[in-house]
């Protein structure tokens, strides 16, 4: 019985038309982990398709685990959170990748900086996939970072699950 169920699952997976990016009107939601020097947290994002290869979206990150400073102080809420608006160039079809894959470089404007990111999505089914992103600040609003200002203002990596909404 287990072999039959497994076989049906494998065969049915081939009939699912999963696409990582469909173009205008496509909506993707993502939830995952955020990793950066001295902290880890939760990352969420939503992207809205504008055209065949463009999308815009919003991201939010909240740091859960952070290192204390030398005085034993922990960062406050404002130091832990970052919200950004972003623009993506969805290049999966341009690079002739499998339709289940998408590479999306982009720019983002947030509470802490103006930055860039490079992401990758892979969809297993029509509604479920995985993603990973790396981001860097291009221009920091304050070049003299003190205290906890470096959180959400440095090289970051996000990884998690992606959904079609």
N, C-alpha and C. Protein backbone atom coordinates (compact mmCIF):
# COMPACT_ATOMS: atom_id res chain seq x y z
N UNK A 1 0.82 -1.19 0.00
CA UNK A 1 0.00 0.00 0.00
C UNK A 1 0.87 1.26 0.00
N UNK A 2 1.94 1.24 0.81
CA UNK A 2 2.84 2.39 0.85
C UNK A 2 3.49 2.65 -0.50
N UNK A 3 3.83 1.56 -1.20
CA UNK A 3 4.47 1.71 -2.51
C UNK A 3 3.50 2.32 -3.52
N UNK A 4 2.23 1.95 -3.45
CA UNK A 4 1.23 2.49 -4.37
C UNK A 4 1.02 3.98 -4.12
N UNK A 5 0.90 4.36 -2.85
CA UNK A 5 0.72 5.78 -2.51
C UNK A 5 1.93 6.59 -2.95
N UNK A 6 3.12 6.07 -2.71
CA UNK A 6 4.33 6.76 -3.13
C UNK A 6 4.38 6.91 -4.64
N UNK A 7 4.03 5.85 -5.36
CA UNK A 7 4.03 5.90 -6.82
C UNK A 7 3.02 6.92 -7.33
N UNK A 8 1.82 6.95 -6.76
CA UNK A 8 0.81 7.93 -7.16
C UNK A 8 1.29 9.36 -6.90
N UNK A 9 1.95 9.57 -5.78
CA UNK A 9 2.46 10.90 -5.45
C UNK A 9 3.51 11.34 -6.47
N UNK A 10 4.44 10.46 -6.80
CA UNK A 10 5.50 10.77 -7.75
C UNK A 10 4.93 11.05 -9.14
N UNK A 11 3.99 10.23 -9.58
CA UNK A 11 3.39 10.41 -10.90
C UNK A 11 2.57 11.69 -10.94
N UNK A 12 1.80 11.97 -9.91
CA UNK A 12 0.97 13.18 -9.90
C UNK A 12 1.81 14.44 -9.83
N UNK A 13 2.99 14.38 -9.26
CA UNK A 13 3.86 15.56 -9.19
C UNK A 13 4.25 16.02 -10.59
N UNK A 14 4.32 15.11 -11.53
CA UNK A 14 4.66 15.47 -12.90
C UNK A 14 3.56 16.23 -13.61
N UNK A 15 2.31 16.11 -13.15
CA UNK A 15 1.20 16.80 -13.78
C UNK A 15 0.98 18.21 -13.24
N UNK A 16 1.64 18.56 -12.18
CA UNK A 16 1.48 19.88 -11.59
C UNK A 16 2.35 20.86 -12.36
N UNK A 17 1.75 21.97 -12.77
CA UNK A 17 2.48 22.98 -13.54
C UNK A 17 2.95 24.07 -12.59
N UNK A 18 4.04 23.86 -11.92
CA UNK A 18 4.56 24.83 -10.97
C UNK A 18 5.41 25.85 -11.70
N UNK A 19 5.15 27.12 -11.42
CA UNK A 19 5.94 28.19 -12.00
C UNK A 19 6.41 29.12 -10.89
N UNK A 20 7.68 29.50 -10.96
CA UNK A 20 8.25 30.36 -9.94
C UNK A 20 7.82 31.82 -10.14
N UNK A 21 7.62 32.24 -11.38
CA UNK A 21 7.15 33.60 -11.64
C UNK A 21 6.32 33.58 -12.91
N UNK A 22 5.08 34.10 -12.83
CA UNK A 22 4.15 34.04 -13.95
C UNK A 22 3.99 35.36 -14.68
N UNK A 23 4.46 36.47 -14.09
CA UNK A 23 4.33 37.75 -14.77
C UNK A 23 3.29 38.64 -14.11
N UNK A 24 2.66 39.48 -14.93
CA UNK A 24 1.70 40.46 -14.44
C UNK A 24 0.58 39.78 -13.64
N UNK A 25 0.32 40.30 -12.44
CA UNK A 25 -0.74 39.76 -11.59
C UNK A 25 -0.30 38.65 -10.66
N UNK A 26 0.91 38.16 -10.82
CA UNK A 26 1.43 37.11 -9.95
C UNK A 26 1.70 37.68 -8.56
N UNK A 27 1.35 36.92 -7.52
CA UNK A 27 1.59 37.35 -6.14
C UNK A 27 2.28 36.22 -5.40
N UNK A 28 3.43 36.52 -4.83
CA UNK A 28 4.21 35.55 -4.06
C UNK A 28 4.34 36.03 -2.62
N UNK A 29 4.16 35.13 -1.67
CA UNK A 29 4.40 35.40 -0.26
C UNK A 29 5.52 34.51 0.23
N UNK A 30 6.37 35.03 1.09
CA UNK A 30 7.50 34.26 1.58
C UNK A 30 7.66 34.46 3.08
N UNK A 31 8.02 33.38 3.76
CA UNK A 31 8.29 33.42 5.20
C UNK A 31 9.55 32.60 5.43
N UNK A 32 10.47 33.16 6.21
CA UNK A 32 11.70 32.42 6.44
C UNK A 32 12.52 32.98 7.58
N UNK A 33 13.75 32.51 7.63
CA UNK A 33 14.69 32.93 8.66
C UNK A 33 15.64 33.97 8.09
N UNK A 34 16.06 34.88 8.95
CA UNK A 34 17.04 35.91 8.60
C UNK A 34 18.31 35.64 9.39
N UNK A 35 19.43 35.66 8.69
CA UNK A 35 20.73 35.43 9.33
C UNK A 35 21.64 36.61 9.03
N UNK A 36 22.26 37.16 10.09
CA UNK A 36 23.23 38.23 9.93
C UNK A 36 24.21 38.18 11.08
N UNK A 37 25.28 38.93 10.98
CA UNK A 37 26.31 38.91 12.00
C UNK A 37 25.74 39.38 13.34
N UNK A 38 25.71 38.50 14.32
CA UNK A 38 25.26 38.85 15.66
C UNK A 38 23.78 38.70 15.91
N UNK A 39 23.01 38.24 14.90
CA UNK A 39 21.56 38.15 15.12
C UNK A 39 20.92 37.19 14.12
N UNK A 40 19.78 36.63 14.52
CA UNK A 40 18.91 35.86 13.64
C UNK A 40 17.47 36.27 13.90
N UNK A 41 16.62 36.12 12.91
CA UNK A 41 15.24 36.54 13.09
C UNK A 41 14.30 35.94 12.07
N UNK A 42 13.13 36.57 11.94
CA UNK A 42 12.08 36.15 11.03
C UNK A 42 12.01 37.16 9.89
N UNK A 43 11.91 36.63 8.68
CA UNK A 43 11.81 37.47 7.48
C UNK A 43 10.52 37.12 6.76
N UNK A 44 9.75 38.13 6.35
CA UNK A 44 8.55 37.93 5.55
C UNK A 44 8.61 38.86 4.35
N UNK A 45 8.01 38.45 3.26
CA UNK A 45 7.95 39.32 2.08
C UNK A 45 6.75 38.96 1.23
N UNK A 46 6.34 39.92 0.42
CA UNK A 46 5.29 39.71 -0.57
C UNK A 46 5.71 40.46 -1.82
N UNK A 47 5.54 39.82 -2.98
CA UNK A 47 5.90 40.41 -4.26
C UNK A 47 4.69 40.38 -5.20
N UNK A 48 4.51 41.47 -5.95
CA UNK A 48 3.40 41.61 -6.89
C UNK A 48 3.95 41.78 -8.30
N UNK A 49 3.53 40.92 -9.22
CA UNK A 49 4.02 40.99 -10.59
C UNK A 49 3.49 42.21 -11.32
N UNK A 50 4.39 42.95 -11.98
CA UNK A 50 4.03 44.13 -12.76
C UNK A 50 4.03 43.85 -14.26
N UNK A 51 4.89 42.99 -14.68
CA UNK A 51 5.03 42.68 -16.10
C UNK A 51 5.68 41.33 -16.25
N UNK A 52 6.12 41.04 -17.46
CA UNK A 52 6.70 39.73 -17.73
C UNK A 52 7.93 39.45 -16.87
N UNK A 53 8.71 40.50 -16.56
CA UNK A 53 9.95 40.29 -15.82
C UNK A 53 10.15 41.29 -14.69
N UNK A 54 9.11 41.95 -14.22
CA UNK A 54 9.24 42.94 -13.15
C UNK A 54 8.23 42.69 -12.05
N UNK A 55 8.65 42.96 -10.82
CA UNK A 55 7.73 42.89 -9.69
C UNK A 55 8.18 43.90 -8.63
N UNK A 56 7.24 44.26 -7.77
CA UNK A 56 7.55 45.10 -6.62
C UNK A 56 7.01 44.40 -5.40
N UNK A 57 7.51 44.79 -4.23
CA UNK A 57 7.03 44.13 -3.04
C UNK A 57 7.44 44.83 -1.77
N UNK A 58 7.16 44.17 -0.67
CA UNK A 58 7.44 44.68 0.67
C UNK A 58 8.07 43.57 1.50
N UNK A 59 9.00 43.92 2.36
CA UNK A 59 9.60 42.94 3.25
C UNK A 59 9.59 43.48 4.67
N UNK A 60 9.60 42.57 5.60
CA UNK A 60 9.71 42.91 7.01
C UNK A 60 10.59 41.90 7.72
N UNK A 61 11.47 42.38 8.56
CA UNK A 61 12.36 41.51 9.32
C UNK A 61 12.30 41.91 10.79
N UNK A 62 12.21 40.91 11.66
CA UNK A 62 12.28 41.16 13.09
C UNK A 62 13.31 40.21 13.68
N UNK A 63 14.30 40.75 14.38
CA UNK A 63 15.37 39.95 14.96
C UNK A 63 14.95 39.40 16.32
N UNK A 64 15.02 38.09 16.46
CA UNK A 64 14.65 37.43 17.71
C UNK A 64 15.86 37.20 18.60
N UNK A 65 16.91 36.66 18.03
CA UNK A 65 18.10 36.33 18.78
C UNK A 65 19.19 37.35 18.45
N UNK A 66 19.60 38.12 19.45
CA UNK A 66 20.63 39.14 19.22
C UNK A 66 21.68 39.07 20.32
N UNK A 67 22.88 39.48 19.97
CA UNK A 67 23.95 39.50 20.95
C UNK A 67 23.87 40.80 21.76
N UNK A 68 24.15 40.69 23.04
CA UNK A 68 24.20 41.88 23.90
C UNK A 68 25.46 42.67 23.59
N UNK A 69 25.44 43.97 23.92
CA UNK A 69 26.65 44.76 23.74
C UNK A 69 27.57 44.56 24.96
N UNK A 70 28.66 45.28 25.00
CA UNK A 70 29.65 45.13 26.07
C UNK A 70 29.05 45.42 27.44
N UNK A 71 28.08 46.31 27.50
CA UNK A 71 27.45 46.69 28.77
C UNK A 71 26.33 45.73 29.18
N UNK A 72 26.08 44.70 28.37
CA UNK A 72 25.03 43.75 28.68
C UNK A 72 23.65 44.20 28.25
N UNK A 73 23.55 45.26 27.44
CA UNK A 73 22.27 45.77 26.98
C UNK A 73 21.81 45.01 25.74
N UNK A 74 20.50 44.85 25.61
CA UNK A 74 19.91 44.23 24.43
C UNK A 74 19.26 45.35 23.59
N UNK A 75 19.18 45.15 22.27
CA UNK A 75 18.58 46.18 21.43
C UNK A 75 17.08 46.33 21.69
N UNK A 76 16.58 47.53 21.44
CA UNK A 76 15.15 47.82 21.59
C UNK A 76 14.41 47.42 20.32
N UNK A 77 13.09 47.55 20.33
CA UNK A 77 12.24 47.17 19.20
C UNK A 77 12.71 47.84 17.90
N UNK A 78 12.98 49.13 17.94
CA UNK A 78 13.40 49.86 16.74
C UNK A 78 14.72 49.38 16.17
N UNK A 79 15.56 48.81 16.99
CA UNK A 79 16.84 48.26 16.53
C UNK A 79 16.65 46.88 15.89
N UNK A 80 15.60 46.19 16.27
CA UNK A 80 15.36 44.82 15.81
C UNK A 80 14.55 44.73 14.53
N UNK A 81 13.80 45.77 14.20
CA UNK A 81 12.86 45.68 13.07
C UNK A 81 13.38 46.45 11.86
N UNK A 82 13.03 45.94 10.68
CA UNK A 82 13.32 46.64 9.43
C UNK A 82 12.18 46.34 8.46
N UNK A 83 11.73 47.37 7.78
CA UNK A 83 10.67 47.25 6.78
C UNK A 83 11.20 47.89 5.50
N UNK A 84 10.95 47.24 4.36
CA UNK A 84 11.48 47.73 3.08
C UNK A 84 10.44 47.61 1.98
N UNK A 85 10.55 48.48 1.01
CA UNK A 85 9.84 48.34 -0.26
C UNK A 85 10.91 47.95 -1.27
N UNK A 86 10.54 47.07 -2.23
CA UNK A 86 11.57 46.60 -3.15
C UNK A 86 11.06 46.44 -4.57
N UNK A 87 12.01 46.40 -5.49
CA UNK A 87 11.75 46.19 -6.91
C UNK A 87 12.62 45.03 -7.36
N UNK A 88 12.04 44.08 -8.11
CA UNK A 88 12.76 42.90 -8.57
C UNK A 88 12.74 42.82 -10.10
N UNK A 89 13.81 42.30 -10.65
CA UNK A 89 13.87 41.90 -12.06
C UNK A 89 13.85 40.38 -12.07
N UNK A 90 12.74 39.79 -12.47
CA UNK A 90 12.58 38.33 -12.45
C UNK A 90 13.14 37.75 -13.74
N UNK A 91 14.28 37.07 -13.63
CA UNK A 91 15.06 36.68 -14.80
C UNK A 91 15.01 35.20 -15.15
N UNK A 92 14.15 34.43 -14.51
CA UNK A 92 14.10 32.99 -14.77
C UNK A 92 13.87 32.66 -16.23
N UNK A 93 12.88 33.31 -16.87
CA UNK A 93 12.60 33.00 -18.27
C UNK A 93 13.63 33.63 -19.21
N UNK A 94 14.21 34.76 -18.83
CA UNK A 94 15.25 35.40 -19.64
C UNK A 94 16.48 34.49 -19.73
N UNK A 95 16.82 33.85 -18.60
CA UNK A 95 17.97 32.95 -18.56
C UNK A 95 17.61 31.53 -19.02
N UNK A 96 16.35 31.36 -19.45
CA UNK A 96 15.84 30.07 -19.94
C UNK A 96 15.99 28.96 -18.91
N UNK A 97 15.68 29.30 -17.65
CA UNK A 97 15.68 28.31 -16.57
C UNK A 97 14.38 27.51 -16.63
N UNK A 98 14.35 26.41 -15.94
CA UNK A 98 13.13 25.63 -15.77
C UNK A 98 12.06 26.57 -15.22
N UNK A 99 10.80 26.49 -15.69
CA UNK A 99 9.75 27.39 -15.19
C UNK A 99 9.53 27.33 -13.67
N UNK A 100 10.00 26.26 -13.03
CA UNK A 100 9.88 26.16 -11.58
C UNK A 100 10.90 27.03 -10.86
N UNK A 101 11.87 27.59 -11.59
CA UNK A 101 12.95 28.38 -10.98
C UNK A 101 12.87 29.84 -11.39
N UNK A 102 13.30 30.71 -10.48
CA UNK A 102 13.39 32.13 -10.79
C UNK A 102 14.57 32.72 -10.03
N UNK A 103 15.33 33.54 -10.73
CA UNK A 103 16.39 34.34 -10.10
C UNK A 103 15.93 35.78 -10.17
N UNK A 104 16.01 36.49 -9.05
CA UNK A 104 15.51 37.86 -9.04
C UNK A 104 16.46 38.81 -8.30
N UNK A 105 17.29 39.53 -9.04
CA UNK A 105 18.06 40.61 -8.43
C UNK A 105 17.14 41.82 -8.26
N UNK A 106 17.48 42.68 -7.31
CA UNK A 106 16.64 43.85 -7.12
C UNK A 106 17.23 44.88 -6.19
N UNK A 107 16.49 45.95 -6.03
CA UNK A 107 16.86 47.06 -5.15
C UNK A 107 15.79 47.20 -4.08
N UNK A 108 16.19 47.66 -2.90
CA UNK A 108 15.22 47.87 -1.83
C UNK A 108 15.54 49.14 -1.06
N UNK A 109 14.48 49.76 -0.56
CA UNK A 109 14.57 50.99 0.22
C UNK A 109 13.90 50.73 1.56
N UNK A 110 14.68 50.79 2.64
CA UNK A 110 14.15 50.44 3.94
C UNK A 110 14.36 51.50 5.00
N UNK A 111 14.02 51.14 6.23
CA UNK A 111 14.17 52.05 7.36
C UNK A 111 15.64 52.31 7.70
N UNK A 112 16.51 51.36 7.35
CA UNK A 112 17.93 51.46 7.73
C UNK A 112 18.84 51.88 6.59
N UNK A 113 18.48 51.52 5.33
CA UNK A 113 19.37 51.80 4.21
C UNK A 113 18.69 51.64 2.87
N UNK A 114 19.44 51.98 1.82
CA UNK A 114 19.10 51.66 0.45
C UNK A 114 20.01 50.51 0.07
N UNK A 115 19.46 49.41 -0.44
CA UNK A 115 20.30 48.25 -0.68
C UNK A 115 19.90 47.46 -1.90
N UNK A 116 20.60 46.36 -2.06
CA UNK A 116 20.34 45.45 -3.16
C UNK A 116 20.21 44.03 -2.64
N UNK A 117 19.57 43.19 -3.43
CA UNK A 117 19.42 41.79 -3.06
C UNK A 117 19.47 40.91 -4.30
N UNK A 118 19.78 39.65 -4.07
CA UNK A 118 19.75 38.63 -5.12
C UNK A 118 19.05 37.43 -4.52
N UNK A 119 17.99 36.99 -5.19
CA UNK A 119 17.21 35.88 -4.66
C UNK A 119 17.00 34.77 -5.67
N UNK A 120 16.61 33.61 -5.16
CA UNK A 120 16.32 32.44 -5.97
C UNK A 120 15.10 31.73 -5.38
N UNK A 121 14.14 31.38 -6.25
CA UNK A 121 12.96 30.61 -5.84
C UNK A 121 12.90 29.32 -6.64
N UNK A 122 12.42 28.28 -5.97
CA UNK A 122 12.15 27.01 -6.66
C UNK A 122 10.80 26.51 -6.15
N UNK A 123 9.86 26.26 -7.07
CA UNK A 123 8.53 25.78 -6.69
C UNK A 123 8.40 24.29 -6.98
N UNK A 124 8.00 23.54 -5.95
CA UNK A 124 7.76 22.11 -6.07
C UNK A 124 6.39 21.83 -6.66
N UNK A 125 5.39 22.62 -6.26
CA UNK A 125 4.02 22.49 -6.75
C UNK A 125 3.54 23.88 -7.16
N UNK A 126 2.31 23.97 -7.61
CA UNK A 126 1.75 25.25 -8.03
C UNK A 126 1.75 26.29 -6.90
N UNK A 127 1.62 25.85 -5.66
CA UNK A 127 1.50 26.81 -4.57
C UNK A 127 2.61 26.83 -3.56
N UNK A 128 3.59 25.92 -3.65
CA UNK A 128 4.59 25.81 -2.59
C UNK A 128 6.00 25.66 -3.15
N UNK A 129 6.92 26.45 -2.59
CA UNK A 129 8.32 26.36 -3.00
C UNK A 129 9.24 26.83 -1.89
N UNK A 130 10.50 26.98 -2.22
CA UNK A 130 11.51 27.47 -1.28
C UNK A 130 12.22 28.66 -1.91
N UNK A 131 12.83 29.47 -1.06
CA UNK A 131 13.58 30.63 -1.56
C UNK A 131 14.81 30.85 -0.70
N UNK A 132 15.75 31.57 -1.27
CA UNK A 132 16.91 32.07 -0.53
C UNK A 132 17.27 33.43 -1.13
N UNK A 133 17.71 34.34 -0.28
CA UNK A 133 18.10 35.67 -0.72
C UNK A 133 19.34 36.12 0.04
N UNK A 134 20.13 36.95 -0.61
CA UNK A 134 21.25 37.62 0.05
C UNK A 134 21.09 39.10 -0.23
N UNK A 135 21.34 39.91 0.78
CA UNK A 135 21.19 41.35 0.62
C UNK A 135 22.35 42.12 1.20
N UNK A 136 22.61 43.28 0.60
CA UNK A 136 23.68 44.17 1.08
C UNK A 136 23.19 45.60 1.11
N UNK A 137 23.69 46.41 2.04
CA UNK A 137 23.38 47.84 2.00
C UNK A 137 24.28 48.51 0.96
N UNK A 138 23.70 49.37 0.13
CA UNK A 138 24.47 50.13 -0.84
C UNK A 138 24.80 51.50 -0.26
N UNK A 139 23.79 52.12 0.36
CA UNK A 139 23.97 53.43 0.99
C UNK A 139 23.28 53.41 2.35
N UNK A 140 24.05 53.57 3.40
CA UNK A 140 23.50 53.62 4.76
C UNK A 140 23.09 55.05 5.07
N UNK A 141 22.00 55.21 5.77
CA UNK A 141 21.52 56.55 6.11
C UNK A 141 22.46 57.25 7.08
N UNK A 142 23.05 56.48 7.98
CA UNK A 142 23.99 57.03 8.95
C UNK A 142 25.31 56.27 8.80
N UNK A 143 26.35 56.96 8.39
CA UNK A 143 27.64 56.28 8.17
C UNK A 143 28.39 56.04 9.46
N UNK A 144 28.00 56.68 10.55
CA UNK A 144 28.64 56.49 11.85
C UNK A 144 27.74 55.60 12.71
N UNK A 145 27.82 54.31 12.47
CA UNK A 145 26.97 53.37 13.17
C UNK A 145 27.47 53.18 14.60
N UNK A 146 26.56 53.32 15.55
CA UNK A 146 26.88 53.13 16.96
C UNK A 146 25.85 52.20 17.57
N UNK A 147 26.19 51.64 18.71
CA UNK A 147 25.25 50.78 19.42
C UNK A 147 24.80 49.60 18.59
N UNK A 148 23.50 49.52 18.36
CA UNK A 148 22.92 48.40 17.63
C UNK A 148 22.54 48.77 16.19
N UNK A 149 23.05 49.89 15.68
CA UNK A 149 22.70 50.36 14.34
C UNK A 149 23.15 49.42 13.23
N UNK A 150 24.07 48.52 13.52
CA UNK A 150 24.54 47.61 12.46
C UNK A 150 23.52 46.50 12.17
N UNK A 151 22.59 46.23 13.08
CA UNK A 151 21.57 45.21 12.80
C UNK A 151 20.68 45.68 11.66
N UNK A 152 20.37 44.78 10.75
CA UNK A 152 19.58 45.06 9.55
C UNK A 152 20.25 46.12 8.67
N UNK A 153 21.55 46.33 8.85
CA UNK A 153 22.28 47.33 8.09
C UNK A 153 23.63 46.75 7.67
N UNK A 154 23.62 45.47 7.30
CA UNK A 154 24.83 44.73 6.95
C UNK A 154 24.45 43.62 5.98
N UNK A 155 25.41 42.81 5.58
CA UNK A 155 25.13 41.66 4.71
C UNK A 155 24.17 40.72 5.44
N UNK A 156 23.10 40.32 4.75
CA UNK A 156 22.10 39.42 5.35
C UNK A 156 21.80 38.26 4.40
N UNK A 157 21.33 37.17 4.96
CA UNK A 157 20.88 36.02 4.18
C UNK A 157 19.50 35.62 4.73
N UNK A 158 18.56 35.40 3.83
CA UNK A 158 17.21 34.93 4.18
C UNK A 158 16.97 33.61 3.47
N UNK A 159 16.28 32.70 4.14
CA UNK A 159 15.93 31.41 3.52
C UNK A 159 14.63 30.93 4.13
N UNK A 160 13.78 30.33 3.30
CA UNK A 160 12.51 29.83 3.83
C UNK A 160 11.61 29.28 2.75
N UNK A 161 10.31 29.41 2.96
CA UNK A 161 9.31 28.85 2.05
C UNK A 161 8.59 29.97 1.30
N UNK A 162 8.13 29.64 0.11
CA UNK A 162 7.46 30.60 -0.76
C UNK A 162 6.11 30.03 -1.16
N UNK A 163 5.12 30.92 -1.28
CA UNK A 163 3.76 30.50 -1.62
C UNK A 163 3.19 31.38 -2.74
N UNK A 164 2.35 30.80 -3.59
CA UNK A 164 1.55 31.57 -4.52
C UNK A 164 0.32 32.03 -3.77
N UNK A 165 0.02 33.30 -3.84
CA UNK A 165 -1.16 33.85 -3.14
C UNK A 165 -2.24 34.20 -4.14
